[in-house]
């Protein structure tokens, strides 16, 4: 019996050895997988991934093509080529420049704005935003390659109207009406491809023209939306007559900036246009006015003397970050679109007489 027991013990050792080898092989395979670097290539929305055992080999492959992203074994982005998204620092204004040496300022944008990355230099980034191809300093910018960008801003057409959905930080994000279009499409167009969607008639119409609406018609609209500005239609017409600034435009800016007189600044300071309402402390720094009329007249004078003519004149229409009032008036890169959409909303309710005038 003793001999039989010894024979059984001897048979166990080969089994243990085989199992140990299998475990070692499994662990080696897992270890080799964990040390694998991957490169993902994005082409017209299609994604192709290749794996490499060495970082040097993976980097050589990445740099040899466009829109390629190098991932570490843990999935962290190590580097990339081609386009992507740049997010500006959330706590500061970012200046936009016409040149890579940062000597000629084009405009500026609010914190948390998403810019389309076009080119990366050693000391600059070339980006696209709201109609403008410009340069920004790379300091404190967050860069994301195409491979990891899941949510993108886009334009879409709904029943003859263009809507823009913006991806950004804080109150810059959201969906808003931009204007009418004669085009038909079920597609979505990335934010940087606005030219594929339409040319906004309101966004690029001169504000140095009179609106076809009377003070009473402005009040009619304000009453219909239960605005506290109802009865102030005469202020917008008087500003139009005095400064030759379109009253519909002024009402739309007031509507956009103060939610037609319902914002805290409008109610507490009669400030409809965000005068001196800086991004860091909009309510505390905002100017106070004695009357609503005084606020409207001040805005009309400002547009007439600073933006239609004067130091900030880059086009006498709402515009974008390439041309028009939006270049220097607002840090929101889509301020011109939002004002245009508000003009369209008012005009549509009053019979579209202004659209017929500018078309």
Protein backbone atom coordinates (compact mmCIF):
# COMPACT_ATOMS: atom_id res chain seq x y z
CA UNK A 1 0.00 0.00 0.00
CA UNK A 2 2.89 2.29 0.71
CA UNK A 3 4.19 1.75 -2.84
CA UNK A 4 0.80 2.56 -4.36
CA UNK A 5 0.59 5.86 -2.50
CA UNK A 6 4.06 6.83 -3.70
CA UNK A 7 3.05 6.22 -7.31
CA UNK A 8 0.03 8.55 -6.97
CA UNK A 9 2.14 11.34 -5.51
CA UNK A 10 4.56 11.05 -8.43
CA UNK A 11 1.70 11.55 -10.93
CA UNK A 12 0.63 14.83 -9.28
CA UNK A 13 3.88 16.66 -10.00
CA UNK A 14 3.59 16.61 -13.83
CA UNK A 15 0.08 18.00 -13.51
CA UNK A 16 1.27 20.82 -11.27
CA UNK A 17 4.13 21.59 -13.63
CA UNK A 18 1.80 21.70 -16.66
CA UNK A 19 -0.64 23.96 -14.84
CA UNK A 20 2.19 26.28 -13.78
CA UNK A 21 3.40 26.58 -17.36
CA UNK A 22 -0.14 27.37 -18.55
CA UNK A 23 -0.56 30.08 -15.91
CA UNK A 24 2.83 31.56 -16.77
CA UNK A 25 1.96 31.59 -20.46
CA UNK A 26 -1.38 33.27 -19.74
CA UNK A 27 0.27 35.90 -17.55
CA UNK A 28 2.90 36.53 -20.24
CA UNK A 29 0.20 37.00 -22.88
CA UNK A 30 -1.72 39.36 -20.61
CA UNK A 31 1.46 41.25 -19.80
CA UNK A 32 2.30 41.65 -23.47
CA UNK A 33 -1.20 42.92 -24.17
CA UNK A 34 -0.97 45.44 -21.36
CA UNK A 35 2.27 46.79 -22.84
CA UNK A 36 0.69 47.31 -26.29
CA UNK A 37 0.46 50.82 -27.74
CA UNK A 38 -2.36 51.57 -30.15
CA UNK A 39 -2.76 54.12 -32.93
CA UNK A 40 -6.24 55.02 -34.15
CA UNK A 41 -6.75 56.64 -37.56
CA UNK A 42 -9.94 58.58 -38.31
CA UNK A 43 -10.90 58.95 -42.00
CA UNK A 44 -14.28 60.41 -42.92
CA UNK A 45 -15.72 59.15 -39.67
CA UNK A 46 -14.31 55.62 -40.04
CA UNK A 47 -11.87 54.45 -37.35
CA UNK A 48 -9.02 51.96 -37.88
CA UNK A 49 -6.81 50.82 -34.99
CA UNK A 50 -3.34 49.23 -35.10
CA UNK A 51 -1.33 47.87 -32.20
CA UNK A 52 2.43 48.10 -31.59
CA UNK A 53 4.70 46.51 -29.00
CA UNK A 54 7.07 49.47 -28.74
CA UNK A 55 6.38 53.16 -28.20
CA UNK A 56 8.95 54.17 -30.81
CA UNK A 57 7.33 52.01 -33.49
CA UNK A 58 3.87 53.34 -32.64
CA UNK A 59 5.05 56.94 -32.75
CA UNK A 60 6.70 56.47 -36.15
CA UNK A 61 3.47 55.14 -37.54
CA UNK A 62 1.43 57.96 -35.96
CA UNK A 63 3.60 60.75 -37.34
CA UNK A 64 3.48 59.25 -40.85
CA UNK A 65 -0.24 59.94 -41.29
CA UNK A 66 -3.03 62.45 -40.65
CA UNK A 67 -5.67 62.31 -37.92
CA UNK A 68 -3.87 59.61 -35.99
CA UNK A 69 -3.96 59.31 -32.21
CA UNK A 70 -1.41 57.44 -30.10
CA UNK A 71 -2.77 55.75 -26.98
CA UNK A 72 -0.78 54.35 -24.06
CA UNK A 73 -1.41 50.78 -22.85
CA UNK A 74 -3.80 52.25 -20.26
CA UNK A 75 -5.76 54.19 -22.91
CA UNK A 76 -4.29 57.65 -22.26
CA UNK A 77 -3.75 59.96 -25.24
CA UNK A 78 -0.01 60.43 -25.66
CA UNK A 79 0.11 62.39 -28.91
CA UNK A 80 -1.78 62.92 -32.15
CA UNK A 81 -1.59 64.38 -35.64
CA UNK A 82 -4.16 66.30 -37.65
CA UNK A 83 -7.35 67.98 -36.55
CA UNK A 84 -9.17 67.97 -33.25
CA UNK A 85 -10.72 70.31 -30.73
CA UNK A 86 -9.13 73.00 -28.58
CA UNK A 87 -10.94 74.13 -25.43
CA UNK A 88 -9.97 77.56 -24.09
CA UNK A 89 -9.23 78.05 -20.36
CA UNK A 90 -12.52 78.29 -18.48
CA UNK A 91 -11.46 81.16 -16.22
CA UNK A 92 -10.11 83.64 -18.79
CA UNK A 93 -10.73 85.38 -22.09
CA UNK A 94 -8.66 83.99 -24.97
CA UNK A 95 -7.38 86.38 -27.65
CA UNK A 96 -7.55 85.35 -31.30
CA UNK A 97 -4.79 86.56 -33.63
CA UNK A 98 -4.47 86.98 -37.37
CA UNK A 99 -0.85 85.79 -37.39
CA UNK A 100 1.22 83.05 -35.75
CA UNK A 101 3.52 85.67 -34.18
CA UNK A 102 0.55 87.13 -32.22
CA UNK A 103 1.12 90.72 -33.32
CA UNK A 104 -2.30 91.43 -34.89
CA UNK A 105 -5.34 90.68 -32.76
CA UNK A 106 -8.43 89.51 -34.63
CA UNK A 107 -10.91 89.07 -31.78
CA UNK A 108 -11.45 87.22 -28.50
CA UNK A 109 -13.65 84.44 -27.08
CA UNK A 110 -15.03 83.49 -23.70
CA UNK A 111 -13.61 80.81 -21.43
CA UNK A 112 -14.61 77.26 -22.26
CA UNK A 113 -15.08 77.93 -25.98
CA UNK A 114 -14.42 75.03 -28.34
CA UNK A 115 -12.19 75.80 -31.31
CA UNK A 116 -11.58 73.53 -34.29
CA UNK A 117 -7.88 72.64 -34.40
CA UNK A 118 -6.41 73.00 -37.88
CA UNK A 119 -2.65 73.02 -37.27
CA UNK A 120 -0.20 72.61 -34.40
CA UNK A 121 3.06 74.53 -34.37
CA UNK A 122 5.84 74.56 -31.79
CA UNK A 123 4.57 77.80 -30.27
CA UNK A 124 1.10 78.34 -31.79
CA UNK A 125 -2.17 76.68 -32.69
CA UNK A 126 -4.12 77.50 -35.83
CA UNK A 127 -7.84 77.18 -35.15
CA UNK A 128 -11.23 77.86 -36.73
CA UNK A 129 -14.11 79.53 -34.89
CA UNK A 130 -17.28 81.26 -36.06
CA UNK A 131 -16.14 81.97 -39.61
CA UNK A 132 -12.53 82.87 -38.76
CA UNK A 133 -9.25 80.96 -39.21
CA UNK A 134 -7.03 82.43 -36.50
CA UNK A 135 -4.13 81.67 -34.16
CA UNK A 136 -4.03 81.19 -30.39
CA UNK A 137 -1.25 80.69 -27.90
CA UNK A 138 -1.01 77.05 -26.76
CA UNK A 139 -0.59 77.95 -23.07
CA UNK A 140 -3.27 76.34 -20.87
CA UNK A 141 -5.28 75.12 -23.87
CA UNK A 142 -6.80 71.65 -23.64
CA UNK A 143 -6.29 69.66 -26.86
CA UNK A 144 -8.39 66.69 -27.91
CA UNK A 145 -7.78 64.66 -31.10
CA UNK A 146 -10.57 63.61 -33.43
CA UNK A 147 -10.41 60.06 -32.07
CA UNK A 148 -11.68 61.03 -28.62
CA UNK A 149 -14.14 63.79 -29.55
CA UNK A 150 -17.58 62.27 -29.10
CA UNK A 151 -19.77 65.37 -28.87
CA UNK A 152 -19.55 68.05 -31.56
CA UNK A 153 -21.44 71.26 -32.17
CA UNK A 154 -23.63 71.14 -35.26
CA UNK A 155 -26.15 72.96 -37.45
CA UNK A 156 -29.35 71.33 -38.64
CA UNK A 157 -32.37 72.33 -40.68
CA UNK A 158 -35.83 71.93 -39.19
CA UNK A 159 -38.83 72.83 -41.33
CA UNK A 160 -37.03 75.60 -43.21
CA UNK A 161 -35.16 77.04 -40.22
CA UNK A 162 -31.53 76.60 -39.19
CA UNK A 163 -30.72 75.69 -35.59
CA UNK A 164 -27.27 75.61 -34.03
CA UNK A 165 -26.38 73.28 -31.16
CA UNK A 166 -23.23 74.52 -29.42
CA UNK A 167 -20.92 72.40 -27.27
CA UNK A 168 -19.12 74.64 -24.78
CA UNK A 169 -18.81 75.44 -21.09
CA UNK A 170 -21.35 77.29 -18.95
CA UNK A 171 -24.06 79.40 -20.62
CA UNK A 172 -22.48 79.36 -24.09
CA UNK A 173 -23.81 75.85 -24.72
CA UNK A 174 -27.28 75.01 -25.94
CA UNK A 175 -29.47 75.05 -29.05
CA UNK A 176 -30.77 78.24 -30.63
CA UNK A 177 -32.53 79.45 -33.77
CA UNK A 178 -30.30 81.22 -36.30
CA UNK A 179 -32.53 82.02 -39.26
CA UNK A 180 -34.49 80.78 -42.27
CA UNK A 181 -33.06 78.86 -45.21
CA UNK A 182 -34.31 77.65 -48.57
CA UNK A 183 -32.09 74.58 -48.40
CA UNK A 184 -33.38 71.14 -47.45
CA UNK A 185 -31.27 68.53 -45.71
CA UNK A 186 -31.63 65.88 -43.02
CA UNK A 187 -27.89 65.99 -42.33
CA UNK A 188 -26.09 67.60 -39.43
CA UNK A 189 -23.22 69.93 -40.25
CA UNK A 190 -20.35 70.43 -37.83
CA UNK A 191 -20.17 73.88 -36.28
CA UNK A 192 -17.06 74.81 -38.28
CA UNK A 193 -18.90 74.01 -41.53
CA UNK A 194 -21.60 76.66 -41.28
CA UNK A 195 -21.00 77.69 -44.91
CA UNK A 196 -22.41 74.31 -45.96
CA UNK A 197 -25.76 75.14 -44.40
CA UNK A 198 -26.81 78.66 -45.35
CA UNK A 199 -26.04 82.37 -45.51
CA UNK A 200 -28.03 84.08 -42.76
CA UNK A 201 -29.92 87.12 -44.14
CA UNK A 202 -30.31 88.71 -40.68
CA UNK A 203 -26.74 88.04 -39.58
CA UNK A 204 -25.22 89.96 -42.48
CA UNK A 205 -27.80 92.68 -43.17
CA UNK A 206 -26.75 96.27 -42.46
CA UNK A 207 -28.13 97.78 -39.25
CA UNK A 208 -27.89 101.25 -40.82
CA UNK A 209 -31.38 100.84 -42.24
CA UNK A 210 -34.77 101.61 -40.75
CA UNK A 211 -37.02 98.76 -39.65
CA UNK A 212 -40.47 98.49 -41.29
CA UNK A 213 -42.18 98.38 -37.88
CA UNK A 214 -43.73 101.14 -35.79
CA UNK A 215 -43.42 101.64 -32.05
CA UNK A 216 -46.91 100.19 -31.69
CA UNK A 217 -45.91 97.02 -33.54
CA UNK A 218 -42.87 96.59 -31.30
CA UNK A 219 -45.19 96.93 -28.30
CA UNK A 220 -47.54 94.42 -29.87
CA UNK A 221 -44.76 91.85 -29.91
CA UNK A 222 -43.56 92.70 -26.40
CA UNK A 223 -47.08 92.36 -25.07
CA UNK A 224 -47.49 88.98 -26.77
CA UNK A 225 -44.52 87.57 -24.84
CA UNK A 226 -45.55 89.29 -21.59
CA UNK A 227 -42.37 91.37 -21.48
CA UNK A 228 -41.95 94.18 -18.93
CA UNK A 229 -40.66 96.25 -21.88
CA UNK A 230 -44.17 96.51 -23.33
CA UNK A 231 -44.84 100.23 -23.82
CA UNK A 232 -41.17 100.98 -24.58
CA UNK A 233 -41.49 100.50 -28.35
CA UNK A 234 -41.18 104.26 -28.77
CA UNK A 235 -37.68 104.15 -27.24
CA UNK A 236 -36.43 101.79 -29.93
CA UNK A 237 -37.99 103.86 -32.71
CA UNK A 238 -36.59 107.08 -31.26
CA UNK A 239 -33.11 105.53 -31.14
CA UNK A 240 -33.54 104.40 -34.74
CA UNK A 241 -34.49 107.90 -35.87
CA UNK A 242 -31.75 109.61 -33.83
CA UNK A 243 -28.77 107.36 -34.52
CA UNK A 244 -29.79 105.57 -37.74
CA UNK A 245 -29.49 102.17 -36.04
CA UNK A 246 -32.16 99.65 -36.95
CA UNK A 247 -34.83 99.44 -34.24
CA UNK A 248 -35.49 95.74 -34.85
CA UNK A 249 -31.79 95.06 -34.31
CA UNK A 250 -31.77 97.07 -31.08
CA UNK A 251 -34.84 95.25 -29.79
CA UNK A 252 -33.27 91.89 -30.67
CA UNK A 253 -30.03 92.73 -28.86
CA UNK A 254 -32.03 93.83 -25.82
CA UNK A 255 -34.02 90.61 -26.06
CA UNK A 256 -30.91 88.47 -26.27
CA UNK A 257 -28.91 90.27 -23.58
CA UNK A 258 -31.69 90.78 -21.03
CA UNK A 259 -34.33 88.19 -22.00
CA UNK A 260 -36.57 91.11 -23.02
CA UNK A 261 -36.13 92.96 -19.75
CA UNK A 262 -36.45 90.03 -17.33
CA UNK A 263 -32.78 89.55 -16.36
CA UNK A 264 -31.51 90.68 -12.95
CA UNK A 265 -29.44 93.47 -14.52
CA UNK A 266 -32.44 94.72 -16.49
CA UNK A 267 -34.77 94.69 -13.49
CA UNK A 268 -32.31 96.14 -10.97
CA UNK A 269 -30.33 98.56 -13.17
CA UNK A 270 -32.54 99.10 -16.25
CA UNK A 271 -29.58 97.85 -18.25
CA UNK A 272 -30.89 95.98 -21.29
CA UNK A 273 -27.63 95.56 -23.19
CA UNK A 274 -25.13 94.32 -20.62
CA UNK A 275 -23.21 97.59 -20.48
CA UNK A 276 -19.97 96.90 -18.54
CA UNK A 277 -21.31 93.50 -17.50
CA UNK A 278 -17.93 91.77 -17.58
CA UNK A 279 -17.61 87.98 -17.64
CA UNK A 280 -16.05 87.84 -14.16
CA UNK A 281 -18.82 89.84 -12.40
CA UNK A 282 -21.65 90.74 -14.81
CA UNK A 283 -24.13 92.03 -12.24
CA UNK A 284 -21.70 93.89 -9.99
CA UNK A 285 -19.92 95.76 -12.80
CA UNK A 286 -22.96 96.52 -14.95
CA UNK A 287 -23.94 100.16 -15.54
CA UNK A 288 -27.14 101.51 -13.95
CA UNK A 289 -29.56 103.66 -15.99
CA UNK A 290 -32.32 105.91 -14.72
CA UNK A 291 -34.76 104.77 -17.39
CA UNK A 292 -35.18 102.06 -20.01
CA UNK A 293 -35.13 104.78 -22.65
CA UNK A 294 -31.71 105.95 -21.46
CA UNK A 295 -30.36 102.41 -21.81
CA UNK A 296 -31.72 102.10 -25.37
CA UNK A 297 -30.33 105.49 -26.45
CA UNK A 298 -26.92 104.68 -24.99
CA UNK A 299 -26.80 101.39 -26.89
CA UNK A 300 -27.80 103.03 -30.18
CA UNK A 301 -25.13 105.69 -29.74
CA UNK A 302 -22.51 103.05 -28.94
CA UNK A 303 -23.27 101.02 -32.05
CA UNK A 304 -23.34 104.15 -34.23
CA UNK A 305 -20.08 105.68 -32.99
CA UNK A 306 -17.97 102.63 -32.13
CA UNK A 307 -19.12 99.71 -34.29
CA UNK A 308 -20.72 101.12 -37.44
CA UNK A 309 -18.02 103.78 -37.58
CA UNK A 310 -15.19 104.23 -35.13
CA UNK A 311 -12.47 102.04 -33.59
CA UNK A 312 -14.37 98.73 -33.65
CA UNK A 313 -15.95 99.05 -37.09
CA UNK A 314 -15.50 95.75 -38.94
CA UNK A 315 -18.83 95.66 -40.76
CA UNK A 316 -22.24 97.20 -39.99
CA UNK A 317 -24.08 93.91 -39.31
CA UNK A 318 -24.18 91.39 -36.44
CA UNK A 319 -21.64 89.12 -38.16
CA UNK A 320 -19.32 86.58 -36.54
CA UNK A 321 -15.67 86.39 -35.46
CA UNK A 322 -14.47 87.02 -39.00
CA UNK A 323 -16.47 90.17 -39.77
CA UNK A 324 -19.11 92.44 -38.32
CA UNK A 325 -20.01 93.70 -34.87
CA UNK A 326 -19.47 90.32 -33.18
CA UNK A 327 -15.70 90.63 -33.64
CA UNK A 328 -15.28 93.06 -30.74
CA UNK A 329 -18.72 93.43 -29.17
CA UNK A 330 -19.07 90.04 -27.47
CA UNK A 331 -16.84 87.23 -26.23
CA UNK A 332 -19.55 84.76 -27.25
CA UNK A 333 -18.42 83.66 -30.74
CA UNK A 334 -22.05 83.05 -31.72
CA UNK A 335 -23.50 86.33 -30.49
CA UNK A 336 -24.15 87.43 -34.09
CA UNK A 337 -26.07 84.25 -34.83
CA UNK A 338 -28.13 84.55 -31.65
CA UNK A 339 -29.05 88.18 -32.33
CA UNK A 340 -29.93 87.26 -35.92
CA UNK A 341 -32.16 84.47 -34.66
CA UNK A 342 -33.91 86.83 -32.25
CA UNK A 343 -34.47 89.35 -35.06
CA UNK A 344 -35.99 86.57 -37.14
CA UNK A 345 -38.24 85.48 -34.26
CA UNK A 346 -39.63 89.01 -33.82
CA UNK A 347 -39.93 89.59 -37.57
CA UNK A 348 -41.77 86.31 -38.07
CA UNK A 349 -44.35 87.21 -35.44
CA UNK A 350 -44.90 90.64 -37.03
CA UNK A 351 -45.29 89.42 -40.62
CA UNK A 352 -41.72 89.06 -41.98
CA UNK A 353 -41.76 92.58 -43.44
CA UNK A 354 -38.07 93.09 -42.61
CA UNK A 355 -37.00 89.83 -44.29
CA UNK A 356 -38.83 90.89 -47.47
CA UNK A 357 -37.01 94.22 -47.30
CA UNK A 358 -33.49 92.76 -47.06
CA UNK A 359 -33.88 89.87 -49.49
